[in-house]
Amino acid sequence: MAEWTERAELLFKAEGLDKLRNANILVVGLGGVGSFAAEFLA
């Protein structure tokens, strides 16, 4: 498991991570923060 998922699992638990993996995500605005978020989520 990647390092970010190990840390995220502490916060969201395994069930929450499964929901995130199966979620559809829309990023609106690809300025400074939006472009980073879109790249991270891809």
Protein backbone atom coordinates (compact mmCIF):
# COMPACT_ATOMS: atom_id res chain seq x y z
CA MET A 1 0.00 0.00 0.00
CA ALA A 2 1.27 3.46 -0.85
CA GLU A 3 2.37 5.77 1.95
CA TRP A 4 -0.53 8.22 1.44
CA THR A 5 -3.11 5.44 1.70
CA GLU A 6 -1.54 4.19 4.91
CA ARG A 7 -1.94 7.63 6.46
CA ALA A 8 -5.40 8.12 4.97
CA GLU A 9 -6.57 4.79 6.37
CA LEU A 10 -5.86 6.07 9.88
CA LEU A 11 -8.36 8.86 9.24
CA PHE A 12 -10.96 7.20 6.98
CA LYS A 13 -10.62 3.51 7.97
CA ALA A 14 -10.62 0.74 5.33
CA GLU A 15 -14.33 1.14 4.53
CA GLY A 16 -13.91 4.86 3.89
CA LEU A 17 -10.96 4.25 1.56
CA ASP A 18 -13.01 1.74 -0.43
CA LYS A 19 -15.74 4.36 -0.83
CA LEU A 20 -13.15 6.90 -2.03
CA ARG A 21 -11.69 4.43 -4.54
CA ASN A 22 -15.15 3.85 -6.02
CA ALA A 23 -16.25 7.50 -5.98
CA ASN A 24 -16.72 9.76 -8.99
CA ILE A 25 -14.93 13.07 -8.47
CA LEU A 26 -15.41 16.40 -10.20
CA VAL A 27 -12.71 19.06 -9.85
CA VAL A 28 -13.95 22.53 -10.79
CA GLY A 29 -11.32 25.12 -11.57
CA LEU A 30 -7.85 24.12 -12.62
CA GLY A 31 -5.93 27.07 -11.22
CA GLY A 32 -3.07 26.63 -8.78
CA VAL A 33 -4.77 24.37 -6.25
CA GLY A 34 -7.26 22.70 -8.60
CA SER A 35 -4.59 21.48 -11.01
CA PHE A 36 -2.60 19.99 -8.14
CA ALA A 37 -5.74 18.30 -6.78
CA ALA A 38 -6.64 16.88 -10.21
CA GLU A 39 -3.14 15.49 -10.70
CA PHE A 40 -3.10 13.97 -7.21
CA LEU A 41 -6.50 12.32 -7.69
CA ALA A 42 -5.64 10.86 -11.11
